[in-house]
Amino acid sequence: TVFRIGPANFDLSQKVINGELSLNSLLSRIGHDGCCAIMVGAAACRGISNAINSQSVHYMFDGASVMWELLKGRNLPGVAALDK
């Protein structure tokens, strides 16, 4: 499983954009081999959506701020409800 949090949503340099394209291409390829990729953030989701196909396994979460709170260990009501 690959867990990826995309870049902040502001003006990105061409170098960063090229790196994003290369990373998205790589994640699309490893999805064919059964690797699961979890994308977090609007920029990561937008970028990988252009590179994936139906045989790749990806999970996309547009709201990165919620994922950061979860990773910090904060109890989130929606996640806690899933445990019940």
Foldseek 3Di string as FASTA:
>chain_A
DAEDEDDDPDDDDPVVVVVLLVVLQVLQVVQLVVDEYEYEAQVNVVNNVVRHDPSGHYHYHHHNVVVVCVVVVHDDPVVVVVVD
